[in-house]
């Protein structure tokens, strides 16, 4: 129940109402899960035979899409394995996204599932305190601690789960849907991003950006970058091929000394077994971003306006997302921003650059917000213009 008319709410009232809405959504999600459990009980009750398929019931009677129905059924299975997460959801203290993160952890744990579930009470408590991005990272770290196979089983599962489908929709547009293991996906995204950067820096002279309403120019470029890569594959006739790269964040001891850890992490945020990285290093172009605490700044002063490839790698090693606190837009969807503007004499140096998502980049320029960077910690403060 909204106590105040939304049109008259101040920001504190909006935030309180959002928190209330979050709790109500959690309770509704928990109720749907309880209904799925009841349908499963009816299905397996020999005294009350009734053929019930939970996904179909959710689509027909709850108005769920097929994806939403599958997610609800999956959450029912997860909360049956981790009842403390289900209780937190029913109390409105966590979210369905946190339940999904636990589900990913269970899949990644594989044969070490029971060891992972031993941490469920702690994870349930933390799920009520952490935003989803930080909670997902905690789940990944927990999996890494309990796994005994260096993450190889999970990576093999991801390889087997890689696919790409295509179909033509009712408007005649060709649709693609797929998913890729972390290494293949990182190489594909890297190739698309590099070709997209080439298009942007050329001023889009080969393909002017003319997009329909609702289409982001960079998304338009990405689509044509993929088409360009496909058209130029297998031939070097007049094409400047974008080189595929896999950027991997791994600590120095694991890479050089062979110290055993569960996983390394790609720049796109996917976990990959260290043994897989060592194997691929013999076969492909792998760029390790080694985090040993002694990395030297990469500075080019006023000689270049745009961030170099080496600077972008160094920045994504310390900023997984937009530099603004609590913004969850991933690094590869951000633009590199000069804190002291280039046109005002700012340098293209690491100490003057941070990644910003489109919304915060516009706020910094058109909105007049001020950024300050703590050089030692790379913590950013973002303050609105004075009125």
Protein backbone atom coordinates (compact mmCIF):
# COMPACT_ATOMS: atom_id res chain seq x y z
CA UNK A 1 0.00 0.00 0.00
CA UNK A 2 1.50 3.34 -1.08
CA UNK A 3 1.04 5.80 1.76
CA UNK A 4 1.93 8.87 -0.28
CA UNK A 5 1.05 9.85 -3.80
CA UNK A 6 4.11 9.02 -5.92
CA UNK A 7 3.94 12.36 -7.72
CA UNK A 8 4.60 14.19 -4.43
CA UNK A 9 7.30 11.90 -2.99
CA UNK A 10 10.73 13.23 -2.12
CA UNK A 11 13.80 11.03 -2.68
CA UNK A 12 13.78 9.58 0.86
CA UNK A 13 10.15 8.54 0.43
CA UNK A 14 10.94 7.02 -2.98
CA UNK A 15 13.76 4.97 -1.44
CA UNK A 16 11.54 3.76 1.40
CA UNK A 17 8.85 2.76 -1.07
CA UNK A 18 11.42 0.91 -3.21
CA UNK A 19 12.56 -1.02 -0.13
CA UNK A 20 8.94 -1.85 0.68
CA UNK A 21 8.37 -2.96 -2.93
CA UNK A 22 11.47 -5.15 -2.80
CA UNK A 23 10.19 -6.89 0.34
CA UNK A 24 6.75 -7.44 -1.19
CA UNK A 25 8.28 -8.85 -4.39
CA UNK A 26 10.36 -11.23 -2.25
CA UNK A 27 7.28 -12.45 -0.37
CA UNK A 28 5.41 -12.98 -3.65
CA UNK A 29 8.37 -14.92 -5.06
CA UNK A 30 8.41 -17.07 -1.92
CA UNK A 31 4.67 -17.71 -2.27
CA UNK A 32 5.11 -18.84 -5.89
CA UNK A 33 7.88 -21.19 -4.74
CA UNK A 34 5.59 -22.60 -2.03
CA UNK A 35 2.90 -23.16 -4.67
CA UNK A 36 5.41 -25.02 -6.87
CA UNK A 37 6.30 -27.22 -3.88
CA UNK A 38 2.61 -27.92 -3.34
CA UNK A 39 2.11 -28.84 -7.02
CA UNK A 40 5.05 -31.24 -6.82
CA UNK A 41 3.56 -32.80 -3.69
CA UNK A 42 0.21 -33.27 -5.47
CA UNK A 43 1.96 -34.85 -8.45
CA UNK A 44 3.68 -37.43 -6.25
CA UNK A 45 0.74 -38.13 -3.91
CA UNK A 46 -0.50 -41.66 -4.70
CA UNK A 47 -3.76 -41.02 -2.82
CA UNK A 48 -4.59 -37.97 -4.92
CA UNK A 49 -3.43 -38.72 -8.47
CA UNK A 50 -3.31 -35.56 -10.56
CA UNK A 51 -0.95 -34.87 -13.45
CA UNK A 52 0.49 -31.41 -12.77
CA UNK A 53 3.39 -29.72 -14.56
CA UNK A 54 4.46 -26.72 -12.49
CA UNK A 55 5.90 -24.75 -15.42
CA UNK A 56 2.69 -25.08 -17.43
CA UNK A 57 0.54 -24.13 -14.45
CA UNK A 58 2.64 -21.01 -13.86
CA UNK A 59 2.34 -19.96 -17.50
CA UNK A 60 -1.40 -20.61 -17.71
CA UNK A 61 -2.55 -19.35 -14.31
CA UNK A 62 0.15 -16.95 -13.09
CA UNK A 63 0.82 -15.24 -16.41
CA UNK A 64 4.51 -16.22 -16.32
CA UNK A 65 6.62 -16.46 -19.45
CA UNK A 66 8.31 -19.79 -20.06
CA UNK A 67 11.61 -18.33 -18.79
CA UNK A 68 9.96 -16.95 -15.64
CA UNK A 69 8.26 -20.29 -15.00
CA UNK A 70 11.56 -22.19 -15.36
CA UNK A 71 13.23 -19.73 -12.98
CA UNK A 72 10.51 -20.22 -10.36
CA UNK A 73 10.75 -24.01 -10.56
CA UNK A 74 14.53 -23.75 -10.29
CA UNK A 75 14.23 -21.52 -7.21
CA UNK A 76 11.97 -24.09 -5.59
CA UNK A 77 14.70 -26.71 -6.04
CA UNK A 78 17.34 -24.31 -4.67
CA UNK A 79 15.36 -23.39 -1.56
CA UNK A 80 14.65 -27.06 -0.90
CA UNK A 81 18.42 -27.56 -0.77
CA UNK A 82 19.01 -24.36 1.20
CA UNK A 83 15.86 -23.79 3.34
CA UNK A 84 17.48 -20.84 5.14
CA UNK A 85 17.50 -18.93 1.84
CA UNK A 86 13.82 -19.73 1.36
CA UNK A 87 13.04 -18.46 4.86
CA UNK A 88 14.88 -15.19 4.23
CA UNK A 89 12.95 -14.75 0.99
CA UNK A 90 9.60 -15.43 2.69
CA UNK A 91 10.44 -12.80 5.31
CA UNK A 92 11.14 -10.25 2.57
CA UNK A 93 14.79 -9.97 3.62
CA UNK A 94 16.50 -11.19 0.45
CA UNK A 95 15.59 -11.34 -3.26
CA UNK A 96 14.99 -13.88 -6.00
CA UNK A 97 18.27 -12.76 -7.60
CA UNK A 98 20.12 -13.83 -4.44
CA UNK A 99 18.41 -17.24 -4.67
CA UNK A 100 19.60 -17.51 -8.29
CA UNK A 101 23.17 -16.74 -7.18
CA UNK A 102 22.99 -19.66 -4.72
CA UNK A 103 21.75 -21.83 -7.60
CA UNK A 104 24.79 -20.90 -9.69
CA UNK A 105 26.98 -21.74 -6.71
CA UNK A 106 25.39 -25.17 -6.39
CA UNK A 107 26.00 -25.90 -10.08
CA UNK A 108 29.60 -24.72 -9.87
CA UNK A 109 30.29 -26.73 -6.73
CA UNK A 110 29.42 -29.98 -8.54
CA UNK A 111 30.59 -32.93 -6.47
CA UNK A 112 31.43 -30.53 -3.62
CA UNK A 113 27.80 -29.48 -3.33
CA UNK A 114 27.46 -30.62 0.30
CA UNK A 115 30.57 -28.68 1.31
CA UNK A 116 29.08 -25.58 -0.33
CA UNK A 117 25.72 -26.08 1.40
CA UNK A 118 27.49 -26.15 4.76
CA UNK A 119 28.01 -22.41 4.21
CA UNK A 120 24.34 -21.80 3.39
CA UNK A 121 23.35 -20.30 6.80
CA UNK A 122 26.16 -17.75 6.57
CA UNK A 123 25.34 -16.98 2.93
CA UNK A 124 21.64 -16.57 3.83
CA UNK A 125 22.54 -13.98 6.46
CA UNK A 126 24.85 -12.13 4.08
CA UNK A 127 22.18 -12.18 1.36
CA UNK A 128 20.09 -9.87 3.56
CA UNK A 129 22.97 -7.39 3.81
CA UNK A 130 24.73 -7.35 0.42
CA UNK A 131 23.58 -6.08 -3.00
CA UNK A 132 23.42 -8.82 -5.60
CA UNK A 133 26.75 -8.00 -7.29
CA UNK A 134 28.71 -8.32 -4.04
CA UNK A 135 26.71 -11.35 -2.92
CA UNK A 136 27.39 -13.13 -6.24
CA UNK A 137 31.11 -12.48 -5.72
CA UNK A 138 30.86 -13.93 -2.19
CA UNK A 139 29.16 -17.05 -3.58
CA UNK A 140 31.93 -17.46 -6.18
CA UNK A 141 34.59 -17.12 -3.50
CA UNK A 142 32.80 -19.69 -1.34
CA UNK A 143 32.70 -22.15 -4.24
CA UNK A 144 36.41 -21.57 -4.83
CA UNK A 145 37.16 -22.44 -1.19
CA UNK A 146 35.23 -25.71 -1.16
CA UNK A 147 35.96 -27.05 -4.64
CA UNK A 148 38.54 -29.82 -4.91
CA UNK A 149 38.80 -30.03 -8.72
CA UNK A 150 40.28 -26.58 -9.50
CA UNK A 151 36.97 -25.66 -11.17
CA UNK A 152 37.66 -27.95 -14.12
CA UNK A 153 34.36 -29.83 -13.86
CA UNK A 154 32.43 -26.55 -13.95
CA UNK A 155 34.43 -25.34 -16.95
CA UNK A 156 33.78 -28.61 -18.78
CA UNK A 157 30.06 -28.22 -18.04
CA UNK A 158 30.19 -24.68 -19.44
CA UNK A 159 31.88 -25.95 -22.60
CA UNK A 160 29.17 -28.57 -23.06
CA UNK A 161 26.49 -25.92 -22.48
CA UNK A 162 27.77 -23.59 -25.22
CA UNK A 163 25.24 -23.06 -28.02
CA UNK A 164 23.93 -20.58 -30.59
CA UNK A 165 20.40 -20.59 -32.04
CA UNK A 166 18.85 -18.43 -34.74
CA UNK A 167 15.31 -17.78 -35.93
CA UNK A 168 13.33 -15.17 -37.86
CA UNK A 169 10.72 -13.21 -35.92
CA UNK A 170 7.35 -11.91 -37.11
CA UNK A 171 8.96 -8.66 -38.32
CA UNK A 172 11.39 -10.57 -40.52
CA UNK A 173 14.35 -9.78 -38.25
CA UNK A 174 16.88 -12.55 -37.68
CA UNK A 175 17.26 -13.22 -33.96
CA UNK A 176 20.27 -14.86 -32.30
CA UNK A 177 20.40 -16.37 -28.85
CA UNK A 178 23.26 -18.25 -27.32
CA UNK A 179 25.68 -18.71 -24.48
CA UNK A 180 29.40 -19.42 -24.46
CA UNK A 181 31.95 -20.82 -22.06
CA UNK A 182 34.07 -18.09 -20.40
CA UNK A 183 37.09 -18.47 -22.70
CA UNK A 184 35.19 -18.64 -26.00
CA UNK A 185 32.83 -15.89 -24.86
CA UNK A 186 35.67 -13.61 -23.82
CA UNK A 187 37.42 -14.09 -27.18
CA UNK A 188 34.20 -13.38 -29.10
CA UNK A 189 33.35 -10.25 -27.09
CA UNK A 190 36.95 -9.03 -27.36
CA UNK A 191 36.88 -9.33 -31.17
CA UNK A 192 33.55 -7.50 -31.38
CA UNK A 193 34.70 -4.74 -29.00
CA UNK A 194 37.95 -4.16 -30.91
CA UNK A 195 36.14 -3.95 -34.25
CA UNK A 196 33.54 -1.65 -32.68
CA UNK A 197 36.32 0.62 -31.39
CA UNK A 198 37.80 0.75 -34.89
CA UNK A 199 34.43 1.82 -36.28
CA UNK A 200 34.01 4.52 -33.62
CA UNK A 201 37.53 5.96 -33.98
CA UNK A 202 37.15 6.10 -37.78
CA UNK A 203 34.16 8.38 -37.31
CA UNK A 204 31.89 5.61 -38.61
CA UNK A 205 32.97 6.55 -42.12
CA UNK A 206 32.38 3.06 -43.56
CA UNK A 207 28.99 2.61 -41.91
CA UNK A 208 27.26 5.78 -40.65
CA UNK A 209 25.33 5.18 -37.44
CA UNK A 210 21.66 5.70 -38.23
CA UNK A 211 19.62 3.86 -35.63
CA UNK A 212 15.94 3.38 -34.89
CA UNK A 213 14.43 4.75 -31.70
CA UNK A 214 15.40 2.69 -28.69
CA UNK A 215 18.60 1.28 -30.24
CA UNK A 216 21.87 2.33 -28.61
CA UNK A 217 24.49 3.46 -31.19
CA UNK A 218 27.13 1.20 -29.60
CA UNK A 219 24.78 -1.79 -29.79
CA UNK A 220 24.24 -0.97 -33.48
CA UNK A 221 28.00 -0.85 -33.99
CA UNK A 222 28.41 -4.16 -32.15
CA UNK A 223 25.96 -5.90 -34.49
CA UNK A 224 27.79 -4.65 -37.57
CA UNK A 225 31.13 -5.48 -35.96
CA UNK A 226 29.98 -9.10 -35.66
CA UNK A 227 28.81 -9.11 -39.30
CA UNK A 228 32.17 -7.66 -40.36
CA UNK A 229 34.07 -10.33 -38.47
CA UNK A 230 32.00 -13.10 -40.07
CA UNK A 231 32.39 -11.62 -43.57
CA UNK A 232 36.16 -11.22 -43.20
CA UNK A 233 36.88 -14.58 -41.55
CA UNK A 234 39.19 -16.84 -43.50
CA UNK A 235 40.38 -14.05 -45.77
CA UNK A 236 42.76 -11.13 -45.30
CA UNK A 237 41.81 -9.33 -48.49
CA UNK A 238 41.88 -5.69 -47.54
CA UNK A 239 40.63 -6.33 -44.00
CA UNK A 240 42.27 -5.15 -40.79
CA UNK A 241 41.43 -8.17 -38.67
CA UNK A 242 40.51 -7.54 -35.08
CA UNK A 243 42.64 -9.83 -32.94
CA UNK A 244 40.79 -11.94 -30.41
CA UNK A 245 42.11 -11.58 -26.87
CA UNK A 246 41.29 -13.23 -23.59
CA UNK A 247 42.22 -10.98 -20.67
CA UNK A 248 42.60 -12.97 -17.46
CA UNK A 249 42.93 -11.58 -13.94
CA UNK A 250 45.08 -13.93 -11.87
CA UNK A 251 47.31 -13.43 -8.86
CA UNK A 252 51.07 -13.65 -9.40
CA UNK A 253 51.66 -16.73 -7.22
CA UNK A 254 49.08 -18.82 -9.07
CA UNK A 255 50.41 -17.90 -12.51
CA UNK A 256 54.16 -18.02 -11.90
CA UNK A 257 54.76 -20.22 -8.86
CA UNK A 258 52.02 -22.74 -9.52
CA UNK A 259 50.29 -22.12 -6.21
CA UNK A 260 46.97 -23.98 -6.28
CA UNK A 261 43.83 -21.85 -6.39
CA UNK A 262 40.39 -22.78 -7.67
CA UNK A 263 40.00 -20.29 -10.52
CA UNK A 264 41.23 -17.22 -12.34
CA UNK A 265 38.76 -14.69 -13.68
CA UNK A 266 38.29 -13.24 -17.15
CA UNK A 267 37.86 -9.51 -17.64
CA UNK A 268 34.17 -10.18 -18.31
CA UNK A 269 33.78 -11.62 -14.80
CA UNK A 270 33.69 -15.35 -15.57
CA UNK A 271 35.66 -17.88 -13.54
CA UNK A 272 38.09 -20.16 -15.39
CA UNK A 273 40.31 -22.89 -13.90
CA UNK A 274 43.96 -21.81 -13.65
CA UNK A 275 45.02 -25.09 -15.28
CA UNK A 276 42.85 -24.18 -18.28
CA UNK A 277 44.55 -20.78 -18.49
CA UNK A 278 47.98 -22.41 -18.44
CA UNK A 279 46.93 -24.78 -21.24
CA UNK A 280 45.47 -22.01 -23.37
CA UNK A 281 48.59 -19.89 -22.88
CA UNK A 282 50.40 -22.50 -24.99
CA UNK A 283 47.79 -22.34 -27.76
CA UNK A 284 46.39 -18.82 -28.03
CA UNK A 285 46.98 -15.15 -27.31
CA UNK A 286 46.35 -14.88 -23.57
CA UNK A 287 47.08 -11.55 -21.88
CA UNK A 288 47.57 -12.03 -18.14
CA UNK A 289 46.86 -8.99 -16.00
CA UNK A 290 49.01 -9.96 -13.04
CA UNK A 291 47.85 -8.42 -9.78
CA UNK A 292 50.93 -8.28 -7.56
CA UNK A 293 50.34 -4.89 -5.95
CA UNK A 294 53.33 -3.32 -7.72
CA UNK A 295 51.87 -2.43 -11.14
CA UNK A 296 53.36 0.75 -12.54
CA UNK A 297 51.03 3.46 -13.91
CA UNK A 298 50.67 3.49 -17.68
CA UNK A 299 50.81 7.15 -18.71
CA UNK A 300 50.81 8.77 -22.15
CA UNK A 301 50.28 12.40 -21.04
CA UNK A 302 48.94 14.63 -23.79
CA UNK A 303 50.26 12.51 -26.66
CA UNK A 304 46.95 10.64 -26.98
CA UNK A 305 43.38 11.63 -26.18
CA UNK A 306 41.81 8.19 -25.95
CA UNK A 307 42.79 5.46 -23.47
CA UNK A 308 45.24 2.96 -24.90
CA UNK A 309 44.60 -0.79 -24.98
CA UNK A 310 47.18 -1.27 -22.20
CA UNK A 311 45.46 1.35 -20.06
CA UNK A 312 42.07 -0.30 -20.56
CA UNK A 313 43.52 -3.64 -19.44
CA UNK A 314 45.04 -2.05 -16.36
CA UNK A 315 41.79 -0.20 -15.55
CA UNK A 316 39.62 -3.31 -15.86
CA UNK A 317 41.99 -5.13 -13.53
CA UNK A 318 40.92 -2.79 -10.70
CA UNK A 319 37.41 -1.78 -11.84
CA UNK A 320 35.11 -4.71 -12.62
CA UNK A 321 32.22 -2.25 -13.04
CA UNK A 322 31.55 1.46 -13.49
CA UNK A 323 33.76 3.34 -11.01
CA UNK A 324 30.79 4.99 -9.28
CA UNK A 325 30.09 3.20 -5.97
CA UNK A 326 27.29 0.58 -6.16
CA UNK A 327 26.90 0.95 -9.96
CA UNK A 328 26.83 -2.58 -11.39
CA UNK A 329 27.32 -1.85 -15.12
CA UNK A 330 30.26 -4.10 -16.17
CA UNK A 331 33.54 -2.56 -17.33
CA UNK A 332 33.16 -3.64 -20.95
CA UNK A 333 29.94 -1.59 -21.18
CA UNK A 334 31.65 1.58 -19.89
CA UNK A 335 33.53 4.47 -21.47
CA UNK A 336 36.89 5.74 -20.15
CA UNK A 337 36.43 9.21 -18.65
CA UNK A 338 39.08 11.89 -18.03
CA UNK A 339 38.48 13.32 -14.55
CA UNK A 340 40.31 16.50 -15.57
CA UNK A 341 38.85 17.00 -19.03
CA UNK A 342 41.19 16.57 -22.00
CA UNK A 343 39.99 19.86 -23.50
CA UNK A 344 40.97 21.60 -20.26
CA UNK A 345 44.48 20.19 -20.30
CA UNK A 346 43.83 16.84 -18.61
CA UNK A 347 46.31 14.06 -19.29
CA UNK A 348 45.63 10.54 -20.58
CA UNK A 349 47.20 8.98 -17.51
CA UNK A 350 45.97 6.23 -15.21
CA UNK A 351 45.58 8.70 -12.35
CA UNK A 352 43.17 10.77 -14.46
CA UNK A 353 40.98 7.98 -15.87
CA UNK A 354 38.06 5.92 -14.63
CA UNK A 355 35.43 3.77 -16.38
CA UNK A 356 31.92 5.24 -16.37
CA UNK A 357 28.66 3.75 -17.61
CA UNK A 358 26.63 5.78 -20.10
CA UNK A 359 24.34 7.21 -17.40
CA UNK A 360 27.16 8.40 -15.16
CA UNK A 361 29.22 9.59 -18.13
CA UNK A 362 26.35 11.86 -19.16
CA UNK A 363 25.97 13.01 -15.55
CA UNK A 364 29.67 13.95 -15.44
CA UNK A 365 29.48 15.99 -18.65
CA UNK A 366 25.98 17.30 -19.33
CA UNK A 367 24.88 17.01 -15.69
CA UNK A 368 27.83 18.90 -14.28
CA UNK A 369 28.60 16.34 -11.56
CA UNK A 370 32.13 16.43 -10.13
CA UNK A 371 34.36 13.36 -9.80
CA UNK A 372 37.25 12.97 -7.41
CA UNK A 373 39.62 10.01 -7.43
CA UNK A 374 41.54 8.84 -4.38
CA UNK A 375 44.80 7.91 -6.11
CA UNK A 376 45.96 5.26 -3.64
CA UNK A 377 42.71 3.29 -3.41
CA UNK A 378 41.09 4.36 -6.72
CA UNK A 379 37.91 5.11 -4.76
CA UNK A 380 35.68 7.63 -6.56
CA UNK A 381 33.37 10.26 -5.08
CA UNK A 382 30.65 11.71 -7.30
CA UNK A 383 28.99 14.95 -6.17
CA UNK A 384 26.14 16.86 -7.82
CA UNK A 385 26.53 20.48 -8.96
CA UNK A 386 25.81 23.13 -6.34
CA UNK A 387 22.45 24.82 -6.79
